[in-house]
């Protein structure tokens, strides 16, 4: 992990910082159409998974799997979409989107289908209050 880690401005603008995992920063995408979370390894200058040290690759997979399992259980989704695209934002980040057969874009991808529906401050705070203690307990074992 880098002591000089800086979150990409686009990610910072389009999301809310929730907490730090051992390797990654966890973000909530500001789009209430979907339960959409983003993991960003706190390693400066990385654009691809293979650029991470082997141990960090394994840690990223562990954190992604832990988050995915938690989100499916928490939201009861039909499908978990995990993707590292990086076409717009070069900084390595993994999207974790809980999908439902009834969501606004099903079965198509979430990108480019509909305008984002930003959370109200009340919705965002309620979501954080509900999820953060549960995530913290998972991380602490």
N, C-alpha and C. Protein backbone atom coordinates (compact mmCIF):
# COMPACT_ATOMS: atom_id res chain seq x y z
N UNK A 1 0.84 -1.19 0.00
CA UNK A 1 0.00 0.00 0.00
C UNK A 1 0.87 1.23 0.00
N UNK A 2 0.40 2.24 -0.68
CA UNK A 2 1.16 3.47 -0.82
C UNK A 2 0.76 4.49 0.24
N UNK A 3 1.76 5.15 0.81
CA UNK A 3 1.48 6.24 1.75
C UNK A 3 0.99 7.47 1.02
N UNK A 4 1.17 7.49 -0.30
CA UNK A 4 0.79 8.67 -1.09
C UNK A 4 -0.46 8.42 -1.93
N UNK A 5 -1.27 7.45 -1.54
CA UNK A 5 -2.47 7.11 -2.31
C UNK A 5 -3.41 8.31 -2.42
N UNK A 6 -3.88 8.55 -3.64
CA UNK A 6 -4.88 9.59 -3.90
C UNK A 6 -5.99 8.98 -4.73
N UNK A 7 -7.22 9.15 -4.28
CA UNK A 7 -8.37 8.65 -5.02
C UNK A 7 -8.58 9.49 -6.28
N UNK A 8 -8.83 8.83 -7.40
CA UNK A 8 -9.09 9.54 -8.66
C UNK A 8 -10.23 10.53 -8.47
N UNK A 9 -10.09 11.75 -8.98
CA UNK A 9 -11.13 12.77 -8.80
C UNK A 9 -12.51 12.35 -9.32
N UNK A 10 -12.55 11.60 -10.41
CA UNK A 10 -13.84 11.14 -10.95
C UNK A 10 -14.52 10.19 -9.98
N UNK A 11 -13.75 9.26 -9.41
CA UNK A 11 -14.32 8.35 -8.41
C UNK A 11 -14.78 9.13 -7.19
N UNK A 12 -13.97 10.08 -6.76
CA UNK A 12 -14.34 10.89 -5.59
C UNK A 12 -15.62 11.68 -5.85
N UNK A 13 -15.79 12.17 -7.06
CA UNK A 13 -16.96 12.96 -7.42
C UNK A 13 -18.23 12.13 -7.53
N UNK A 14 -18.11 10.89 -7.99
CA UNK A 14 -19.26 10.04 -8.28
C UNK A 14 -19.62 9.05 -7.17
N UNK A 15 -18.94 9.15 -6.03
CA UNK A 15 -19.17 8.17 -4.97
C UNK A 15 -18.97 8.79 -3.60
N UNK A 16 -19.27 7.97 -2.60
CA UNK A 16 -19.11 8.36 -1.20
C UNK A 16 -18.15 7.37 -0.56
N UNK A 17 -17.14 7.86 0.12
CA UNK A 17 -16.21 6.97 0.82
C UNK A 17 -16.91 6.38 2.04
N UNK A 18 -16.79 5.05 2.17
CA UNK A 18 -17.43 4.37 3.29
C UNK A 18 -16.43 3.94 4.36
N UNK A 19 -15.41 3.20 3.95
CA UNK A 19 -14.44 2.68 4.93
C UNK A 19 -13.24 2.12 4.18
N UNK A 20 -12.21 1.80 4.96
CA UNK A 20 -11.03 1.16 4.40
C UNK A 20 -11.01 -0.30 4.80
N UNK A 21 -10.80 -1.17 3.81
CA UNK A 21 -10.50 -2.56 4.04
C UNK A 21 -8.97 -2.63 4.19
N UNK A 22 -8.40 -3.79 4.48
CA UNK A 22 -6.93 -3.85 4.62
C UNK A 22 -6.18 -3.33 3.39
N UNK A 23 -6.66 -3.62 2.19
CA UNK A 23 -5.99 -3.14 0.97
C UNK A 23 -6.76 -2.00 0.31
N UNK A 24 -8.07 -2.11 0.28
CA UNK A 24 -8.89 -1.24 -0.56
C UNK A 24 -9.68 -0.20 0.23
N UNK A 25 -9.99 0.86 -0.47
CA UNK A 25 -10.97 1.83 -0.01
C UNK A 25 -12.32 1.39 -0.58
N UNK A 26 -13.34 1.37 0.27
CA UNK A 26 -14.69 1.00 -0.16
C UNK A 26 -15.50 2.26 -0.41
N UNK A 27 -16.09 2.33 -1.59
CA UNK A 27 -16.91 3.47 -1.99
C UNK A 27 -18.33 3.01 -2.27
N UNK A 28 -19.27 3.90 -2.09
CA UNK A 28 -20.66 3.71 -2.51
C UNK A 28 -20.88 4.58 -3.72
N UNK A 29 -21.22 3.98 -4.86
CA UNK A 29 -21.54 4.77 -6.05
C UNK A 29 -22.81 5.56 -5.77
N UNK A 30 -22.81 6.82 -6.17
CA UNK A 30 -23.96 7.68 -5.88
C UNK A 30 -25.04 7.49 -6.94
N UNK A 31 -25.58 6.27 -6.96
CA UNK A 31 -26.65 5.91 -7.89
C UNK A 31 -27.59 4.93 -7.18
N UNK A 32 -28.71 5.44 -6.75
CA UNK A 32 -29.65 4.62 -5.98
C UNK A 32 -30.45 3.65 -6.84
N UNK A 33 -30.20 3.62 -8.16
CA UNK A 33 -30.86 2.63 -9.00
C UNK A 33 -30.44 1.21 -8.64
N UNK A 34 -29.22 1.07 -8.06
CA UNK A 34 -28.66 -0.24 -7.75
C UNK A 34 -27.84 -0.14 -6.46
N UNK A 35 -27.76 -1.23 -5.69
CA UNK A 35 -26.74 -1.29 -4.64
C UNK A 35 -25.39 -1.46 -5.36
N UNK A 36 -24.61 -0.40 -5.40
CA UNK A 36 -23.40 -0.35 -6.25
C UNK A 36 -22.24 0.14 -5.40
N UNK A 37 -21.24 -0.71 -5.24
CA UNK A 37 -20.08 -0.42 -4.41
C UNK A 37 -18.82 -0.59 -5.24
N UNK A 38 -17.77 0.09 -4.82
CA UNK A 38 -16.51 0.09 -5.58
C UNK A 38 -15.35 -0.13 -4.61
N UNK A 39 -14.49 -1.07 -4.95
CA UNK A 39 -13.25 -1.28 -4.20
C UNK A 39 -12.10 -0.67 -4.99
N UNK A 40 -11.30 0.14 -4.31
CA UNK A 40 -10.14 0.77 -4.94
C UNK A 40 -8.90 0.41 -4.13
N UNK A 41 -8.01 -0.41 -4.69
CA UNK A 41 -6.77 -0.71 -3.95
C UNK A 41 -6.01 0.59 -3.68
N UNK A 42 -5.56 0.74 -2.44
CA UNK A 42 -4.84 1.95 -2.06
C UNK A 42 -3.36 1.79 -2.43
N UNK A 43 -3.11 1.62 -3.74
CA UNK A 43 -1.77 1.49 -4.29
C UNK A 43 -1.66 2.51 -5.41
N UNK A 44 -0.73 3.40 -5.30
CA UNK A 44 -0.58 4.49 -6.27
C UNK A 44 -0.08 3.96 -7.62
N UNK A 45 -0.65 4.50 -8.70
CA UNK A 45 -0.14 4.25 -10.04
C UNK A 45 -0.54 2.92 -10.65
N UNK A 46 -1.50 2.22 -10.08
CA UNK A 46 -1.92 0.90 -10.59
C UNK A 46 -3.18 1.06 -11.44
N UNK A 47 -3.14 0.48 -12.64
CA UNK A 47 -4.30 0.52 -13.52
C UNK A 47 -4.87 -0.87 -13.80
N UNK A 48 -4.09 -1.91 -13.53
CA UNK A 48 -4.50 -3.28 -13.84
C UNK A 48 -4.22 -4.20 -12.65
N UNK A 49 -5.01 -5.24 -12.50
CA UNK A 49 -4.83 -6.18 -11.39
C UNK A 49 -3.45 -6.83 -11.45
N UNK A 50 -2.98 -7.19 -12.63
CA UNK A 50 -1.70 -7.88 -12.73
C UNK A 50 -0.52 -7.01 -12.31
N UNK A 51 -0.72 -5.69 -12.20
CA UNK A 51 0.35 -4.80 -11.76
C UNK A 51 0.54 -4.83 -10.24
N UNK A 52 -0.43 -5.36 -9.53
CA UNK A 52 -0.30 -5.48 -8.08
C UNK A 52 0.69 -6.58 -7.73
N UNK A 53 1.36 -6.44 -6.60
CA UNK A 53 2.18 -7.53 -6.08
C UNK A 53 1.27 -8.73 -5.87
N UNK A 54 1.85 -9.94 -5.95
CA UNK A 54 1.06 -11.16 -5.85
C UNK A 54 0.21 -11.17 -4.59
N UNK A 55 0.78 -10.79 -3.45
CA UNK A 55 0.05 -10.80 -2.18
C UNK A 55 -1.14 -9.84 -2.24
N UNK A 56 -0.95 -8.69 -2.88
CA UNK A 56 -2.04 -7.72 -3.02
C UNK A 56 -3.11 -8.22 -3.98
N UNK A 57 -2.71 -8.98 -5.00
CA UNK A 57 -3.71 -9.59 -5.89
C UNK A 57 -4.60 -10.52 -5.09
N UNK A 58 -4.00 -11.32 -4.24
CA UNK A 58 -4.77 -12.26 -3.42
C UNK A 58 -5.65 -11.52 -2.43
N UNK A 59 -5.12 -10.44 -1.85
CA UNK A 59 -5.91 -9.66 -0.90
C UNK A 59 -7.09 -9.00 -1.59
N UNK A 60 -6.89 -8.49 -2.80
CA UNK A 60 -7.97 -7.89 -3.57
C UNK A 60 -9.06 -8.92 -3.85
N UNK A 61 -8.68 -10.11 -4.24
CA UNK A 61 -9.66 -11.17 -4.49
C UNK A 61 -10.42 -11.51 -3.20
N UNK A 62 -9.70 -11.59 -2.09
CA UNK A 62 -10.36 -11.87 -0.81
C UNK A 62 -11.35 -10.78 -0.44
N UNK A 63 -10.95 -9.53 -0.58
CA UNK A 63 -11.83 -8.42 -0.22
C UNK A 63 -13.03 -8.35 -1.16
N UNK A 64 -12.81 -8.61 -2.44
CA UNK A 64 -13.90 -8.60 -3.41
C UNK A 64 -14.89 -9.73 -3.12
N UNK A 65 -14.39 -10.90 -2.81
CA UNK A 65 -15.27 -12.04 -2.51
C UNK A 65 -16.06 -11.80 -1.23
N UNK A 66 -15.39 -11.29 -0.22
CA UNK A 66 -16.05 -10.98 1.04
C UNK A 66 -17.16 -9.96 0.83
N UNK A 67 -16.85 -8.90 0.10
CA UNK A 67 -17.84 -7.85 -0.18
C UNK A 67 -18.99 -8.42 -1.00
N UNK A 68 -18.70 -9.19 -2.02
CA UNK A 68 -19.74 -9.76 -2.88
C UNK A 68 -20.70 -10.63 -2.08
N UNK A 69 -20.15 -11.51 -1.26
CA UNK A 69 -21.00 -12.39 -0.45
C UNK A 69 -21.86 -11.57 0.50
N UNK A 70 -21.26 -10.59 1.15
CA UNK A 70 -22.01 -9.73 2.06
C UNK A 70 -23.14 -9.01 1.34
N UNK A 71 -22.86 -8.44 0.17
CA UNK A 71 -23.87 -7.66 -0.55
C UNK A 71 -25.03 -8.53 -1.02
N UNK A 72 -24.75 -9.73 -1.52
CA UNK A 72 -25.82 -10.62 -1.96
C UNK A 72 -26.70 -10.99 -0.77
N UNK A 73 -26.08 -11.28 0.36
CA UNK A 73 -26.86 -11.63 1.56
C UNK A 73 -27.65 -10.42 2.06
N UNK A 74 -27.02 -9.27 2.09
CA UNK A 74 -27.65 -8.07 2.63
C UNK A 74 -28.82 -7.59 1.77
N UNK A 75 -28.64 -7.61 0.45
CA UNK A 75 -29.65 -7.07 -0.45
C UNK A 75 -30.52 -8.12 -1.13
N UNK A 76 -30.15 -9.39 -1.01
CA UNK A 76 -30.94 -10.46 -1.59
C UNK A 76 -31.02 -10.41 -3.10
N UNK A 77 -29.93 -10.04 -3.74
CA UNK A 77 -29.93 -9.89 -5.19
C UNK A 77 -30.04 -11.20 -5.94
N UNK A 78 -30.38 -11.07 -7.23
CA UNK A 78 -30.45 -12.23 -8.11
C UNK A 78 -29.10 -12.56 -8.74
N UNK A 79 -28.24 -11.53 -8.85
CA UNK A 79 -26.95 -11.69 -9.51
C UNK A 79 -25.99 -10.65 -8.97
N UNK A 80 -24.73 -11.02 -8.86
CA UNK A 80 -23.69 -10.09 -8.42
C UNK A 80 -22.79 -9.80 -9.62
N UNK A 81 -22.74 -8.55 -10.05
CA UNK A 81 -21.86 -8.16 -11.15
C UNK A 81 -20.61 -7.53 -10.56
N UNK A 82 -19.45 -8.08 -10.93
CA UNK A 82 -18.16 -7.54 -10.50
C UNK A 82 -17.35 -7.27 -11.75
N UNK A 83 -16.83 -6.04 -11.86
CA UNK A 83 -16.10 -5.68 -13.08
C UNK A 83 -15.02 -4.65 -12.79
N UNK A 84 -13.90 -4.81 -13.49
CA UNK A 84 -12.82 -3.83 -13.46
C UNK A 84 -12.62 -3.36 -14.90
N UNK A 85 -13.29 -2.28 -15.26
CA UNK A 85 -13.24 -1.82 -16.65
C UNK A 85 -12.13 -0.81 -16.88
N UNK A 86 -12.20 0.32 -16.21
CA UNK A 86 -11.13 1.31 -16.30
C UNK A 86 -11.03 2.06 -17.61
N UNK A 87 -12.08 2.08 -18.42
CA UNK A 87 -12.02 2.80 -19.69
C UNK A 87 -12.12 4.31 -19.49
N UNK A 88 -12.84 4.75 -18.49
CA UNK A 88 -13.00 6.18 -18.21
C UNK A 88 -12.06 6.61 -17.10
N UNK A 89 -12.02 5.84 -16.02
CA UNK A 89 -11.13 6.11 -14.88
C UNK A 89 -10.03 5.07 -14.91
N UNK A 90 -8.80 5.51 -15.10
CA UNK A 90 -7.68 4.59 -15.22
C UNK A 90 -7.29 3.91 -13.92
N UNK A 91 -7.49 4.58 -12.79
CA UNK A 91 -7.11 4.01 -11.50
C UNK A 91 -7.84 2.68 -11.29
N UNK A 92 -7.09 1.65 -10.91
CA UNK A 92 -7.70 0.34 -10.70
C UNK A 92 -8.82 0.42 -9.68
N UNK A 93 -10.00 -0.06 -10.08
CA UNK A 93 -11.15 -0.11 -9.19
C UNK A 93 -12.08 -1.22 -9.66
N UNK A 94 -12.73 -1.88 -8.71
CA UNK A 94 -13.65 -2.97 -9.03
C UNK A 94 -15.06 -2.59 -8.62
N UNK A 95 -15.95 -2.59 -9.60
CA UNK A 95 -17.36 -2.32 -9.35
C UNK A 95 -18.01 -3.60 -8.83
N UNK A 96 -18.87 -3.45 -7.83
CA UNK A 96 -19.67 -4.55 -7.28
C UNK A 96 -21.12 -4.07 -7.28
N UNK A 97 -21.90 -4.60 -8.22
CA UNK A 97 -23.27 -4.15 -8.39
C UNK A 97 -24.22 -5.33 -8.14
N UNK A 98 -25.08 -5.15 -7.15
CA UNK A 98 -26.11 -6.16 -6.89
C UNK A 98 -27.21 -5.95 -7.91
N UNK A 99 -27.53 -7.01 -8.64
CA UNK A 99 -28.55 -6.91 -9.68
C UNK A 99 -29.79 -7.70 -9.30
N UNK A 100 -30.92 -7.17 -9.75
CA UNK A 100 -32.22 -7.80 -9.52
C UNK A 100 -32.92 -7.95 -10.86
N UNK A 101 -33.66 -9.02 -11.02
CA UNK A 101 -34.41 -9.21 -12.26
C UNK A 101 -35.43 -8.10 -12.46
N UNK A 102 -35.72 -7.36 -11.40
CA UNK A 102 -36.69 -6.25 -11.47
C UNK A 102 -36.02 -4.88 -11.54
N UNK A 103 -34.67 -4.83 -11.61
CA UNK A 103 -34.04 -3.51 -11.62
C UNK A 103 -34.22 -2.81 -12.97
N UNK A 104 -33.95 -1.53 -12.99
CA UNK A 104 -34.25 -0.66 -14.12
C UNK A 104 -33.54 -1.05 -15.42
N UNK A 105 -32.41 -1.77 -15.30
CA UNK A 105 -31.62 -2.11 -16.49
C UNK A 105 -31.58 -3.60 -16.83
N UNK A 106 -32.17 -4.43 -15.98
CA UNK A 106 -32.08 -5.88 -16.18
C UNK A 106 -32.60 -6.28 -17.54
N UNK A 107 -31.94 -7.17 -18.25
CA UNK A 107 -30.70 -7.87 -17.95
C UNK A 107 -29.47 -7.18 -18.54
N UNK A 108 -29.63 -5.98 -19.03
CA UNK A 108 -28.52 -5.25 -19.66
C UNK A 108 -27.53 -4.76 -18.61
N UNK A 109 -26.33 -4.35 -19.06
CA UNK A 109 -25.37 -3.77 -18.12
C UNK A 109 -25.91 -2.46 -17.53
N UNK A 110 -25.38 -2.06 -16.40
CA UNK A 110 -25.84 -0.83 -15.76
C UNK A 110 -25.32 0.42 -16.45
N UNK A 111 -24.19 0.31 -17.14
CA UNK A 111 -23.57 1.48 -17.76
C UNK A 111 -24.34 1.96 -18.98
N UNK A 112 -24.63 3.26 -18.99
CA UNK A 112 -25.23 3.89 -20.15
C UNK A 112 -26.69 3.61 -20.38
N UNK A 113 -27.35 2.92 -19.47
CA UNK A 113 -28.75 2.58 -19.65
C UNK A 113 -29.68 3.68 -19.16
N UNK A 114 -29.35 4.24 -17.99
CA UNK A 114 -30.21 5.23 -17.35
C UNK A 114 -29.35 6.24 -16.61
N UNK A 115 -29.87 7.43 -16.47
CA UNK A 115 -29.16 8.44 -15.69
C UNK A 115 -29.07 7.98 -14.23
N UNK A 116 -27.98 8.35 -13.59
CA UNK A 116 -27.82 8.03 -12.18
C UNK A 116 -28.92 8.73 -11.38
N UNK A 117 -29.37 8.07 -10.34
CA UNK A 117 -30.36 8.63 -9.40
C UNK A 117 -29.64 8.83 -8.07
N UNK A 118 -29.04 10.01 -7.86
CA UNK A 118 -28.26 10.22 -6.64
C UNK A 118 -29.07 9.98 -5.37
N UNK A 119 -28.40 9.47 -4.35
CA UNK A 119 -29.03 9.28 -3.05
C UNK A 119 -29.29 10.65 -2.43
N UNK A 120 -30.38 10.75 -1.69
CA UNK A 120 -30.56 11.93 -0.84
C UNK A 120 -29.60 11.78 0.33
N UNK A 121 -29.31 12.86 1.01
CA UNK A 121 -28.39 12.76 2.15
C UNK A 121 -28.97 11.83 3.22
N UNK A 122 -30.29 11.82 3.38
CA UNK A 122 -30.92 10.94 4.36
C UNK A 122 -30.78 9.47 3.97
N UNK A 123 -31.00 9.17 2.69
CA UNK A 123 -30.85 7.80 2.20
C UNK A 123 -29.41 7.32 2.37
N UNK A 124 -28.48 8.18 2.02
CA UNK A 124 -27.06 7.84 2.10
C UNK A 124 -26.66 7.56 3.55
N UNK A 125 -27.08 8.41 4.46
CA UNK A 125 -26.73 8.23 5.87
C UNK A 125 -27.38 6.99 6.46
N UNK A 126 -28.61 6.70 6.07
CA UNK A 126 -29.29 5.49 6.56
C UNK A 126 -28.58 4.24 6.06
N UNK A 127 -28.17 4.25 4.81
CA UNK A 127 -27.45 3.12 4.24
C UNK A 127 -26.12 2.91 4.96
N UNK A 128 -25.40 3.99 5.18
CA UNK A 128 -24.13 3.90 5.90
C UNK A 128 -24.35 3.38 7.32
N UNK A 129 -25.35 3.89 8.01
CA UNK A 129 -25.61 3.48 9.39
C UNK A 129 -25.96 1.99 9.46
N UNK A 130 -26.63 1.48 8.44
CA UNK A 130 -27.00 0.08 8.41
C UNK A 130 -25.81 -0.82 8.05
N UNK A 131 -25.04 -0.43 7.04
CA UNK A 131 -24.02 -1.32 6.49
C UNK A 131 -22.68 -1.27 7.21
N UNK A 132 -22.24 -0.10 7.62
CA UNK A 132 -20.88 0.02 8.15
C UNK A 132 -20.62 -0.83 9.40
N UNK A 133 -21.53 -0.87 10.37
CA UNK A 133 -21.25 -1.75 11.52
C UNK A 133 -21.14 -3.23 11.12
N UNK A 134 -21.96 -3.66 10.19
CA UNK A 134 -21.93 -5.05 9.74
C UNK A 134 -20.62 -5.34 9.02
N UNK A 135 -20.21 -4.43 8.14
CA UNK A 135 -18.95 -4.62 7.42
C UNK A 135 -17.76 -4.61 8.37
N UNK A 136 -17.78 -3.72 9.33
CA UNK A 136 -16.69 -3.64 10.31
C UNK A 136 -16.59 -4.93 11.09
N UNK A 137 -17.73 -5.52 11.47
CA UNK A 137 -17.68 -6.77 12.24
C UNK A 137 -17.14 -7.91 11.38
N UNK A 138 -17.44 -7.92 10.11
CA UNK A 138 -16.91 -8.94 9.21
C UNK A 138 -15.39 -8.79 9.08
N UNK A 139 -14.93 -7.56 8.93
CA UNK A 139 -13.49 -7.32 8.76
C UNK A 139 -12.71 -7.66 10.02
N UNK A 140 -13.34 -7.47 11.17
CA UNK A 140 -12.65 -7.76 12.43
C UNK A 140 -12.76 -9.24 12.82
N UNK A 141 -13.47 -9.99 12.00
CA UNK A 141 -13.54 -11.42 12.23
C UNK A 141 -14.71 -11.81 13.01
